[in-house]
Amino acid sequence: MMKEPTIKKVAYGIAMAIAIIIVHFINARVYAMPPIFALFLAIFVTYLGIVLINKSNNFDQTISRTKYNLINTVVVLVLFIAYFKISG
């Protein structure tokens, strides 16, 4: 059985999505990076986001599974739309 969802778990996903969007924007519009460098940059930006999330105690609140799934769906849709808007 899965543990109760928390805002922290959602924030981790948002941090990863932001990292992917930032790296893709830089790669597509600013500087064409080698893929391995883009991967490391995405990991680094995600790591910074996770460190900031872990420093705050506000993210330890539990949320309903429905709200958790809805927020994750919105994050994935925003990531999908942003990826193709940046590419286009």
C-alpha atoms as a PDB file:
ATOM      1  CA  MET A   1       0.000   0.000   0.000  1.00  0.00           C
ATOM      2  CA  MET A   2       1.243   3.458  -0.908  1.00  0.00           C
ATOM      3  CA  LYS A   3       1.896   6.062   1.792  1.00  0.00           C
ATOM      4  CA  GLU A   4      -0.355   9.086   2.010  1.00  0.00           C
ATOM      5  CA  PRO A   5       0.547  11.699  -0.616  1.00  0.00           C
ATOM      6  CA  THR A   6       2.111  14.915   0.617  1.00  0.00           C
ATOM      7  CA  ILE A   7       2.661  18.301  -0.921  1.00  0.00           C
ATOM      8  CA  LYS A   8       6.385  17.486  -0.793  1.00  0.00           C
ATOM      9  CA  LYS A   9       5.953  14.660  -3.320  1.00  0.00           C
ATOM     10  CA  VAL A  10       4.088  17.004  -5.665  1.00  0.00           C
ATOM     11  CA  ALA A  11       6.758  19.678  -5.194  1.00  0.00           C
ATOM     12  CA  TYR A  12       9.474  17.167  -6.179  1.00  0.00           C
ATOM     13  CA  GLY A  13       7.649  16.549  -9.457  1.00  0.00           C
ATOM     14  CA  ILE A  14       7.219  20.265 -10.052  1.00  0.00           C
ATOM     15  CA  ALA A  15      10.942  20.832  -9.392  1.00  0.00           C
ATOM     16  CA  MET A  16      11.804  18.163 -11.954  1.00  0.00           C
ATOM     17  CA  ALA A  17       9.365  19.624 -14.508  1.00  0.00           C
ATOM     18  CA  ILE A  18      10.812  23.108 -14.040  1.00  0.00           C
ATOM     19  CA  ALA A  19      14.332  21.736 -14.516  1.00  0.00           C
ATOM     20  CA  ILE A  20      13.318  20.000 -17.740  1.00  0.00           C
ATOM     21  CA  ILE A  21      11.608  23.144 -19.075  1.00  0.00           C
ATOM     22  CA  ILE A  22      14.591  25.374 -18.208  1.00  0.00           C
ATOM     23  CA  VAL A  23      17.141  23.020 -19.756  1.00  0.00           C
ATOM     24  CA  HIS A  24      15.042  22.512 -22.877  1.00  0.00           C
ATOM     25  CA  PHE A  25      14.573  26.280 -23.255  1.00  0.00           C
ATOM     26  CA  ILE A  26      18.318  26.897 -22.947  1.00  0.00           C
ATOM     27  CA  ASN A  27      19.061  24.042 -25.336  1.00  0.00           C
ATOM     28  CA  ALA A  28      16.505  25.133 -27.947  1.00  0.00           C
ATOM     29  CA  ARG A  29      16.739  28.927 -27.794  1.00  0.00           C
ATOM     30  CA  VAL A  30      20.019  29.997 -26.161  1.00  0.00           C
ATOM     31  CA  TYR A  31      22.775  27.435 -26.617  1.00  0.00           C
ATOM     32  CA  ALA A  32      22.689  23.993 -28.233  1.00  0.00           C
ATOM     33  CA  MET A  33      24.287  21.831 -25.549  1.00  0.00           C
ATOM     34  CA  PRO A  34      25.703  18.347 -25.905  1.00  0.00           C
ATOM     35  CA  PRO A  35      23.110  15.858 -24.587  1.00  0.00           C
ATOM     36  CA  ILE A  36      25.249  14.701 -21.649  1.00  0.00           C
ATOM     37  CA  PHE A  37      25.704  18.320 -20.500  1.00  0.00           C
ATOM     38  CA  ALA A  38      21.950  18.939 -20.773  1.00  0.00           C
ATOM     39  CA  LEU A  39      21.312  15.821 -18.686  1.00  0.00           C
ATOM     40  CA  PHE A  40      23.736  16.907 -15.966  1.00  0.00           C
ATOM     41  CA  LEU A  41      22.293  20.426 -15.952  1.00  0.00           C
ATOM     42  CA  ALA A  42      18.762  19.038 -15.554  1.00  0.00           C
ATOM     43  CA  ILE A  43      19.926  16.822 -12.677  1.00  0.00           C
ATOM     44  CA  PHE A  44      21.665  19.770 -11.013  1.00  0.00           C
ATOM     45  CA  VAL A  45      18.635  22.083 -11.301  1.00  0.00           C
ATOM     46  CA  THR A  46      16.378  19.298  -9.974  1.00  0.00           C
ATOM     47  CA  TYR A  47      18.783  18.754  -7.073  1.00  0.00           C
ATOM     48  CA  LEU A  48      18.693  22.471  -6.216  1.00  0.00           C
ATOM     49  CA  GLY A  49      14.897  22.388  -6.231  1.00  0.00           C
ATOM     50  CA  ILE A  50      14.812  19.340  -3.962  1.00  0.00           C
ATOM     51  CA  VAL A  51      17.269  20.947  -1.528  1.00  0.00           C
ATOM     52  CA  LEU A  52      15.069  24.061  -1.330  1.00  0.00           C
ATOM     53  CA  ILE A  53      11.957  21.919  -0.824  1.00  0.00           C
ATOM     54  CA  ASN A  54      13.604  19.915   1.959  1.00  0.00           C
ATOM     55  CA  LYS A  55      14.635  23.099   3.808  1.00  0.00           C
ATOM     56  CA  SER A  56      10.994  24.115   4.222  1.00  0.00           C
ATOM     57  CA  ASN A  57       8.620  22.320   6.596  1.00  0.00           C
ATOM     58  CA  ASN A  58       5.557  23.669   4.796  1.00  0.00           C
ATOM     59  CA  PHE A  59       5.596  20.803   2.290  1.00  0.00           C
ATOM     60  CA  ASP A  60       5.011  17.990   4.831  1.00  0.00           C
ATOM     61  CA  GLN A  61       1.229  18.400   4.794  1.00  0.00           C
ATOM     62  CA  THR A  62      -0.793  15.454   3.523  1.00  0.00           C
ATOM     63  CA  ILE A  63      -3.273  15.916   0.686  1.00  0.00           C
ATOM     64  CA  SER A  64      -6.025  13.735  -0.705  1.00  0.00           C
ATOM     65  CA  ARG A  65      -5.171  11.208  -3.370  1.00  0.00           C
ATOM     66  CA  THR A  66      -7.583  12.924  -5.782  1.00  0.00           C
ATOM     67  CA  LYS A  67      -5.908  16.307  -5.330  1.00  0.00           C
ATOM     68  CA  TYR A  68      -2.498  14.638  -5.671  1.00  0.00           C
ATOM     69  CA  ASN A  69      -3.493  13.009  -8.970  1.00  0.00           C
ATOM     70  CA  LEU A  70      -5.069  16.210 -10.322  1.00  0.00           C
ATOM     71  CA  ILE A  71      -1.997  18.311  -9.533  1.00  0.00           C
ATOM     72  CA  ASN A  72       0.295  15.721 -11.121  1.00  0.00           C
ATOM     73  CA  THR A  73      -1.908  15.659 -14.222  1.00  0.00           C
ATOM     74  CA  VAL A  74      -1.727  19.451 -14.520  1.00  0.00           C
ATOM     75  CA  VAL A  75       2.071  19.364 -14.080  1.00  0.00           C
ATOM     76  CA  VAL A  76       2.429  16.777 -16.850  1.00  0.00           C
ATOM     77  CA  LEU A  77       0.138  18.770 -19.174  1.00  0.00           C
ATOM     78  CA  VAL A  78       2.079  21.987 -18.531  1.00  0.00           C
ATOM     79  CA  LEU A  79       5.347  20.144 -19.144  1.00  0.00           C
ATOM     80  CA  PHE A  80       3.995  18.698 -22.398  1.00  0.00           C
ATOM     81  CA  ILE A  81       2.669  22.046 -23.649  1.00  0.00           C
ATOM     82  CA  ALA A  82       5.810  23.965 -22.638  1.00  0.00           C
ATOM     83  CA  TYR A  83       8.075  21.421 -24.310  1.00  0.00           C
ATOM     84  CA  PHE A  84       6.345  21.789 -27.676  1.00  0.00           C
ATOM     85  CA  LYS A  85       5.896  25.562 -27.400  1.00  0.00           C
ATOM     86  CA  ILE A  86       9.637  25.946 -26.822  1.00  0.00           C
ATOM     87  CA  SER A  87      10.429  23.599 -29.719  1.00  0.00           C
ATOM     88  CA  GLY A  88       8.055  25.318 -32.136  1.00  0.00           C
END
